[in-house]
PDB file of N, CA and C in Angstrom:
ATOM      1  N   MET A   1       0.846  -1.193   0.000  1.00  0.00           N
ATOM      2  CA  MET A   1       0.000   0.000   0.000  1.00  0.00           C
ATOM      3  C   MET A   1       0.877   1.236   0.000  1.00  0.00           C
ATOM      4  N   ASP A   2       0.504   2.191  -0.797  1.00  0.00           N
ATOM      5  CA  ASP A   2       1.203   3.473  -0.859  1.00  0.00           C
ATOM      6  C   ASP A   2       0.933   4.243   0.435  1.00  0.00           C
ATOM      7  N   PRO A   3       1.998   4.583   1.215  1.00  0.00           N
ATOM      8  CA  PRO A   3       1.772   5.295   2.476  1.00  0.00           C
ATOM      9  C   PRO A   3       1.239   6.707   2.293  1.00  0.00           C
ATOM     10  N   LYS A   4       1.085   7.140   1.049  1.00  0.00           N
ATOM     11  CA  LYS A   4       0.515   8.461   0.815  1.00  0.00           C
ATOM     12  C   LYS A   4      -0.969   8.390   0.493  1.00  0.00           C
ATOM     13  N   LYS A   5      -1.553   7.199   0.656  1.00  0.00           N
ATOM     14  CA  LYS A   5      -2.980   7.044   0.402  1.00  0.00           C
ATOM     15  C   LYS A   5      -3.611   6.277   1.557  1.00  0.00           C
ATOM     16  N   PRO A   6      -4.742   6.761   2.055  1.00  0.00           N
ATOM     17  CA  PRO A   6      -5.422   6.050   3.141  1.00  0.00           C
ATOM     18  C   PRO A   6      -6.168   4.823   2.610  1.00  0.00           C
ATOM     19  N   TYR A   7      -6.505   3.925   3.520  1.00  0.00           N
ATOM     20  CA  TYR A   7      -7.378   2.803   3.204  1.00  0.00           C
ATOM     21  C   TYR A   7      -8.807   3.324   3.294  1.00  0.00           C
ATOM     22  N   ILE A   8      -9.555   3.261   2.220  1.00  0.00           N
ATOM     23  CA  ILE A   8     -10.950   3.701   2.210  1.00  0.00           C
ATOM     24  C   ILE A   8     -11.810   2.442   2.334  1.00  0.00           C
ATOM     25  N   ILE A   9     -12.582   2.367   3.420  1.00  0.00           N
ATOM     26  CA  ILE A   9     -13.331   1.162   3.738  1.00  0.00           C
ATOM     27  C   ILE A   9     -14.750   1.525   4.166  1.00  0.00           C
ATOM     28  N   THR A  10     -15.713   0.755   3.698  1.00  0.00           N
ATOM     29  CA  THR A  10     -17.068   0.868   4.230  1.00  0.00           C
ATOM     30  C   THR A  10     -17.157  -0.131   5.372  1.00  0.00           C
ATOM     31  N   GLU A  11     -17.280   0.397   6.575  1.00  0.00           N
ATOM     32  CA  GLU A  11     -17.309  -0.426   7.784  1.00  0.00           C
ATOM     33  C   GLU A  11     -18.739  -0.627   8.262  1.00  0.00           C
ATOM     34  N   THR A  12     -18.984  -1.792   8.841  1.00  0.00           N
ATOM     35  CA  THR A  12     -20.250  -2.076   9.482  1.00  0.00           C
ATOM     36  C   THR A  12     -20.130  -1.733  10.969  1.00  0.00           C
ATOM     37  N   LYS A  13     -21.259  -1.657  11.625  1.00  0.00           N
ATOM     38  CA  LYS A  13     -21.288  -1.353  13.052  1.00  0.00           C
ATOM     39  C   LYS A  13     -20.518  -2.413  13.832  1.00  0.00           C
ATOM     40  N   GLY A  14     -19.756  -1.974  14.839  1.00  0.00           N
ATOM     41  CA  GLY A  14     -19.052  -2.913  15.705  1.00  0.00           C
ATOM     42  C   GLY A  14     -17.668  -2.426  16.074  1.00  0.00           C
ATOM     43  N   THR A  15     -16.949  -3.257  16.825  1.00  0.00           N
ATOM     44  CA  THR A  15     -15.596  -2.940  17.264  1.00  0.00           C
ATOM     45  C   THR A  15     -14.608  -3.343  16.182  1.00  0.00           C
ATOM     46  N   LYS A  16     -13.711  -2.440  15.834  1.00  0.00           N
ATOM     47  CA  LYS A  16     -12.682  -2.688  14.827  1.00  0.00           C
ATOM     48  C   LYS A  16     -11.322  -2.482  15.473  1.00  0.00           C
ATOM     49  N   TYR A  17     -10.357  -3.268  15.036  1.00  0.00           N
ATOM     50  CA  TYR A  17      -8.982  -3.152  15.519  1.00  0.00           C
ATOM     51  C   TYR A  17      -8.089  -2.903  14.314  1.00  0.00           C
ATOM     52  N   TYR A  18      -7.551  -1.695  14.233  1.00  0.00           N
ATOM     53  CA  TYR A  18      -6.698  -1.301  13.110  1.00  0.00           C
ATOM     54  C   TYR A  18      -5.230  -1.422  13.496  1.00  0.00           C
ATOM     55  N   CYS A  19      -4.427  -1.905  12.575  1.00  0.00           N
ATOM     56  CA  CYS A  19      -2.997  -2.110  12.803  1.00  0.00           C
ATOM     57  C   CYS A  19      -2.301  -0.788  13.135  1.00  0.00           C
ATOM     58  N   ALA A  20      -1.449  -0.816  14.142  1.00  0.00           N
ATOM     59  CA  ALA A  20      -0.667   0.357  14.533  1.00  0.00           C
ATOM     60  C   ALA A  20       0.832   0.138  14.341  1.00  0.00           C
ATOM     61  N   CYS A  21       1.217  -1.094  13.966  1.00  0.00           N
ATOM     62  CA  CYS A  21       2.650  -1.395  13.872  1.00  0.00           C
ATOM     63  C   CYS A  21       3.164  -1.481  12.438  1.00  0.00           C
ATOM     64  N   GLY A  22       2.255  -1.655  11.481  1.00  0.00           N
ATOM     65  CA  GLY A  22       2.663  -1.769  10.086  1.00  0.00           C
ATOM     66  C   GLY A  22       3.095  -3.166   9.676  1.00  0.00           C
ATOM     67  N   ARG A  23       2.993  -4.138  10.572  1.00  0.00           N
ATOM     68  CA  ARG A  23       3.448  -5.503  10.291  1.00  0.00           C
ATOM     69  C   ARG A  23       2.329  -6.454   9.848  1.00  0.00           C
ATOM     70  N   SER A  24       1.090  -6.041  10.000  1.00  0.00           N
ATOM     71  CA  SER A  24      -0.042  -6.914   9.702  1.00  0.00           C
ATOM     72  C   SER A  24      -0.063  -7.350   8.242  1.00  0.00           C
ATOM     73  N   GLN A  25      -0.440  -8.585   8.017  1.00  0.00           N
ATOM     74  CA  GLN A  25      -0.636  -9.099   6.661  1.00  0.00           C
ATOM     75  C   GLN A  25      -2.072  -8.861   6.204  1.00  0.00           C
ATOM     76  N   LYS A  26      -2.897  -8.267   7.083  1.00  0.00           N
ATOM     77  CA  LYS A  26      -4.303  -8.009   6.775  1.00  0.00           C
ATOM     78  C   LYS A  26      -4.614  -6.518   6.874  1.00  0.00           C
ATOM     79  N   MET A  27      -3.679  -5.683   6.483  1.00  0.00           N
ATOM     80  CA  MET A  27      -3.843  -4.233   6.604  1.00  0.00           C
ATOM     81  C   MET A  27      -5.156  -3.783   6.005  1.00  0.00           C
ATOM     82  N   PRO A  28      -5.832  -2.846   6.631  1.00  0.00           N
ATOM     83  CA  PRO A  28      -5.415  -2.049   7.767  1.00  0.00           C
ATOM     84  C   PRO A  28      -5.775  -2.675   9.112  1.00  0.00           C
ATOM     85  N   TYR A  29      -6.238  -3.918   9.096  1.00  0.00           N
ATOM     86  CA  TYR A  29      -6.667  -4.565  10.333  1.00  0.00           C
ATOM     87  C   TYR A  29      -5.504  -5.245  11.048  1.00  0.00           C
ATOM     88  N   CYS A  30      -5.589  -5.309  12.350  1.00  0.00           N
ATOM     89  CA  CYS A  30      -4.590  -5.984  13.168  1.00  0.00           C
ATOM     90  C   CYS A  30      -4.731  -7.496  13.012  1.00  0.00           C
ATOM     91  N   ASP A  31      -3.596  -8.176  12.853  1.00  0.00           N
ATOM     92  CA  ASP A  31      -3.594  -9.639  12.829  1.00  0.00           C
ATOM     93  C   ASP A  31      -2.726 -10.224  13.942  1.00  0.00           C
ATOM     94  N   GLY A  32      -2.311  -9.375  14.889  1.00  0.00           N
ATOM     95  CA  GLY A  32      -1.512  -9.830  16.019  1.00  0.00           C
ATOM     96  C   GLY A  32      -0.014  -9.774  15.786  1.00  0.00           C
ATOM     97  N   ALA A  33       0.421  -9.296  14.614  1.00  0.00           N
ATOM     98  CA  ALA A  33       1.849  -9.247  14.281  1.00  0.00           C
ATOM     99  C   ALA A  33       2.632  -8.293  15.186  1.00  0.00           C
ATOM    100  N   HIS A  34       1.948  -7.452  15.943  1.00  0.00           N
ATOM    101  CA  HIS A  34       2.615  -6.496  16.838  1.00  0.00           C
ATOM    102  C   HIS A  34       3.155  -7.148  18.109  1.00  0.00           C
ATOM    103  N   LYS A  35       2.774  -8.371  18.371  1.00  0.00           N
ATOM    104  CA  LYS A  35       3.166  -9.026  19.629  1.00  0.00           C
ATOM    105  C   LYS A  35       4.670  -8.893  19.874  1.00  0.00           C
ATOM    106  N   GLY A  36       5.018  -8.433  21.070  1.00  0.00           N
ATOM    107  CA  GLY A  36       6.408  -8.245  21.449  1.00  0.00           C
ATOM    108  C   GLY A  36       6.991  -6.898  21.055  1.00  0.00           C
ATOM    109  N   SER A  37       6.222  -6.079  20.340  1.00  0.00           N
ATOM    110  CA  SER A  37       6.736  -4.789  19.867  1.00  0.00           C
ATOM    111  C   SER A  37       6.457  -3.652  20.848  1.00  0.00           C
ATOM    112  N   GLY A  38       5.547  -3.887  21.792  1.00  0.00           N
ATOM    113  CA  GLY A  38       5.142  -2.821  22.707  1.00  0.00           C
ATOM    114  C   GLY A  38       4.024  -1.963  22.139  1.00  0.00           C
ATOM    115  N   LEU A  39       3.643  -2.206  20.900  1.00  0.00           N
ATOM    116  CA  LEU A  39       2.550  -1.467  20.267  1.00  0.00           C
ATOM    117  C   LEU A  39       1.254  -2.240  20.424  1.00  0.00           C
ATOM    118  N   HIS A  40       0.143  -1.546  20.282  1.00  0.00           N
ATOM    119  CA  HIS A  40      -1.171  -2.152  20.398  1.00  0.00           C
ATOM    120  C   HIS A  40      -2.051  -1.618  19.281  1.00  0.00           C
ATOM    121  N   PRO A  41      -3.030  -2.398  18.833  1.00  0.00           N
ATOM    122  CA  PRO A  41      -3.894  -1.930  17.752  1.00  0.00           C
ATOM    123  C   PRO A  41      -4.752  -0.754  18.196  1.00  0.00           C
ATOM    124  N   ASP A  42      -5.215  -0.003  17.198  1.00  0.00           N
ATOM    125  CA  ASP A  42      -6.149   1.099  17.446  1.00  0.00           C
ATOM    126  C   ASP A  42      -7.552   0.504  17.491  1.00  0.00           C
ATOM    127  N   LYS A  43      -8.183   0.551  18.665  1.00  0.00           N
ATOM    128  CA  LYS A  43      -9.539   0.018  18.848  1.00  0.00           C
ATOM    129  C   LYS A  43     -10.539   1.133  18.589  1.00  0.00           C
ATOM    130  N   VAL A  44     -11.488   0.870  17.702  1.00  0.00           N
ATOM    131  CA  VAL A  44     -12.486   1.874  17.331  1.00  0.00           C
ATOM    132  C   VAL A  44     -13.870   1.243  17.361  1.00  0.00           C
ATOM    133  N   GLU A  45     -14.828   1.956  17.946  1.00  0.00           N
ATOM    134  CA  GLU A  45     -16.234   1.541  17.914  1.00  0.00           C
ATOM    135  C   GLU A  45     -16.910   2.260  16.760  1.00  0.00           C
ATOM    136  N   ILE A  46     -17.375   1.513  15.794  1.00  0.00           N
ATOM    137  CA  ILE A  46     -18.137   2.077  14.680  1.00  0.00           C
ATOM    138  C   ILE A  46     -19.602   1.988  15.087  1.00  0.00           C
ATOM    139  N   GLU A  47     -20.257   3.126  15.172  1.00  0.00           N
ATOM    140  CA  GLU A  47     -21.633   3.187  15.676  1.00  0.00           C
ATOM    141  C   GLU A  47     -22.670   2.814  14.625  1.00  0.00           C
ATOM    142  N   GLU A  48     -22.362   3.075  13.363  1.00  0.00           N
ATOM    143  CA  GLU A  48     -23.285   2.754  12.273  1.00  0.00           C
ATOM    144  C   GLU A  48     -22.468   2.561  11.001  1.00  0.00           C
ATOM    145  N   GLU A  49     -23.026   1.866  10.027  1.00  0.00           N
ATOM    146  CA  GLU A  49     -22.297   1.642   8.788  1.00  0.00           C
ATOM    147  C   GLU A  49     -21.899   2.979   8.170  1.00  0.00           C
ATOM    148  N   LYS A  50     -20.625   3.077   7.799  1.00  0.00           N
ATOM    149  CA  LYS A  50     -20.128   4.310   7.186  1.00  0.00           C
ATOM    150  C   LYS A  50     -18.803   4.035   6.497  1.00  0.00           C
ATOM    151  N   THR A  51     -18.417   4.941   5.619  1.00  0.00           N
ATOM    152  CA  THR A  51     -17.130   4.856   4.948  1.00  0.00           C
ATOM    153  C   THR A  51     -16.108   5.633   5.762  1.00  0.00           C
ATOM    154  N   VAL A  52     -14.955   4.995   6.016  1.00  0.00           N
ATOM    155  CA  VAL A  52     -13.881   5.621   6.780  1.00  0.00           C
ATOM    156  C   VAL A  52     -12.600   5.619   5.965  1.00  0.00           C
ATOM    157  N   ALA A  53     -11.716   6.547   6.272  1.00  0.00           N
ATOM    158  CA  ALA A  53     -10.385   6.606   5.666  1.00  0.00           C
ATOM    159  C   ALA A  53      -9.383   6.319   6.770  1.00  0.00           C
ATOM    160  N   ILE A  54      -8.727   5.161   6.693  1.00  0.00           N
ATOM    161  CA  ILE A  54      -7.768   4.736   7.711  1.00  0.00           C
ATOM    162  C   ILE A  54      -6.366   5.139   7.269  1.00  0.00           C
ATOM    163  N   CYS A  55      -5.666   5.866   8.123  1.00  0.00           N
ATOM    164  CA  CYS A  55      -4.335   6.386   7.829  1.00  0.00           C
ATOM    165  C   CYS A  55      -3.344   5.257   7.580  1.00  0.00           C
ATOM    166  N   SER A  56      -2.554   5.371   6.528  1.00  0.00           N
ATOM    167  CA  SER A  56      -1.505   4.379   6.274  1.00  0.00           C
ATOM    168  C   SER A  56      -0.112   4.945   6.541  1.00  0.00           C
ATOM    169  N   CYS A  57       0.006   6.266   6.703  1.00  0.00           N
ATOM    170  CA  CYS A  57       1.325   6.870   6.946  1.00  0.00           C
ATOM    171  C   CYS A  57       1.647   6.961   8.433  1.00  0.00           C
ATOM    172  N   ARG A  58       0.636   6.770   9.299  1.00  0.00           N
ATOM    173  CA  ARG A  58       0.757   6.827  10.756  1.00  0.00           C
ATOM    174  C   ARG A  58       1.190   8.201  11.267  1.00  0.00           C
ATOM    175  N   SER A  59       0.961   9.246  10.473  1.00  0.00           N
ATOM    176  CA  SER A  59       1.334  10.604  10.872  1.00  0.00           C
ATOM    177  C   SER A  59       0.123  11.477  11.164  1.00  0.00           C
ATOM    178  N   SER A  60      -1.066  10.945  11.018  1.00  0.00           N
ATOM    179  CA  SER A  60      -2.292  11.697  11.251  1.00  0.00           C
ATOM    180  C   SER A  60      -2.388  12.130  12.710  1.00  0.00           C
ATOM    181  N   ALA A  61      -2.951  13.292  12.941  1.00  0.00           N
ATOM    182  CA  ALA A  61      -3.209  13.760  14.305  1.00  0.00           C
ATOM    183  C   ALA A  61      -4.498  13.138  14.839  1.00  0.00           C
ATOM    184  N   ASN A  62      -5.190  12.375  13.993  1.00  0.00           N
ATOM    185  CA  ASN A  62      -6.477  11.787  14.352  1.00  0.00           C
ATOM    186  C   ASN A  62      -6.458  10.266  14.144  1.00  0.00           C
ATOM    187  N   LEU A  63      -5.351   9.607  14.504  1.00  0.00           N
ATOM    188  CA  LEU A  63      -5.227   8.160  14.286  1.00  0.00           C
ATOM    189  C   LEU A  63      -6.345   7.400  14.964  1.00  0.00           C
ATOM    190  N   PRO A  64      -6.865   6.372  14.331  1.00  0.00           N
ATOM    191  CA  PRO A  64      -6.376   5.746  13.116  1.00  0.00           C
ATOM    192  C   PRO A  64      -6.914   6.366  11.833  1.00  0.00           C
ATOM    193  N   PHE A  65      -7.649   7.445  11.960  1.00  0.00           N
ATOM    194  CA  PHE A  65      -8.271   8.043  10.782  1.00  0.00           C
ATOM    195  C   PHE A  65      -7.329   9.010  10.073  1.00  0.00           C
ATOM    196  N   CYS A  66      -7.451   9.071   8.775  1.00  0.00           N
ATOM    197  CA  CYS A  66      -6.629   9.958   7.952  1.00  0.00           C
ATOM    198  C   CYS A  66      -7.102  11.400   8.109  1.00  0.00           C
ATOM    199  N   ASP A  67      -6.146  12.318   8.239  1.00  0.00           N
ATOM    200  CA  ASP A  67      -6.473  13.747   8.286  1.00  0.00           C
ATOM    201  C   ASP A  67      -5.805  14.513   7.143  1.00  0.00           C
ATOM    202  N   GLY A  68      -5.233  13.790   6.183  1.00  0.00           N
ATOM    203  CA  GLY A  68      -4.590  14.422   5.032  1.00  0.00           C
ATOM    204  C   GLY A  68      -3.121  14.742   5.220  1.00  0.00           C
ATOM    205  N   THR A  69      -2.554  14.414   6.364  1.00  0.00           N
ATOM    206  CA  THR A  69      -1.141  14.701   6.626  1.00  0.00           C
ATOM    207  C   THR A  69      -0.236  14.091   5.562  1.00  0.00           C
ATOM    208  N   HIS A  70      -0.651  12.949   4.989  1.00  0.00           N
ATOM    209  CA  HIS A  70       0.179  12.272   3.976  1.00  0.00           C
ATOM    210  C   HIS A  70       0.481  13.178   2.788  1.00  0.00           C
ATOM    211  N   ASN A  71      -0.352  14.172   2.546  1.00  0.00           N
ATOM    212  CA  ASN A  71      -0.135  15.090   1.415  1.00  0.00           C
ATOM    213  C   ASN A  71       1.109  15.939   1.603  1.00  0.00           C
ATOM    214  N   ALA A  72       1.545  16.121   2.849  1.00  0.00           N
ATOM    215  CA  ALA A  72       2.729  16.942   3.132  1.00  0.00           C
ATOM    216  C   ALA A  72       4.004  16.105   3.243  1.00  0.00           C
ATOM    217  N   LEU A  73       3.878  14.781   3.190  1.00  0.00           N
ATOM    218  CA  LEU A  73       5.047  13.909   3.303  1.00  0.00           C
ATOM    219  C   LEU A  73       5.774  13.811   1.966  1.00  0.00           C
ATOM    220  N   GLN A  74       7.083  13.585   2.046  1.00  0.00           N
ATOM    221  CA  GLN A  74       7.855  13.460   0.809  1.00  0.00           C
ATOM    222  C   GLN A  74       8.146  12.031   0.512  1.00  0.00           C
TER     223      GLN A  74
END
């Protein structure tokens, strides 16, 4: 995945766990690859079905959601 583009996903209601370490084979979702790294997934409650933009550059001020910061990265 290009770190300058977010993951655009239509999510259903429920608890979601988004990868925070960059090691997951199921990006943007956590698959447990962070074990031993000291990092933990981003837990998010989705209240209703909606489209979300999940940050792939990990520089957003609103993690795990994209805030457009990737546009300023080189």
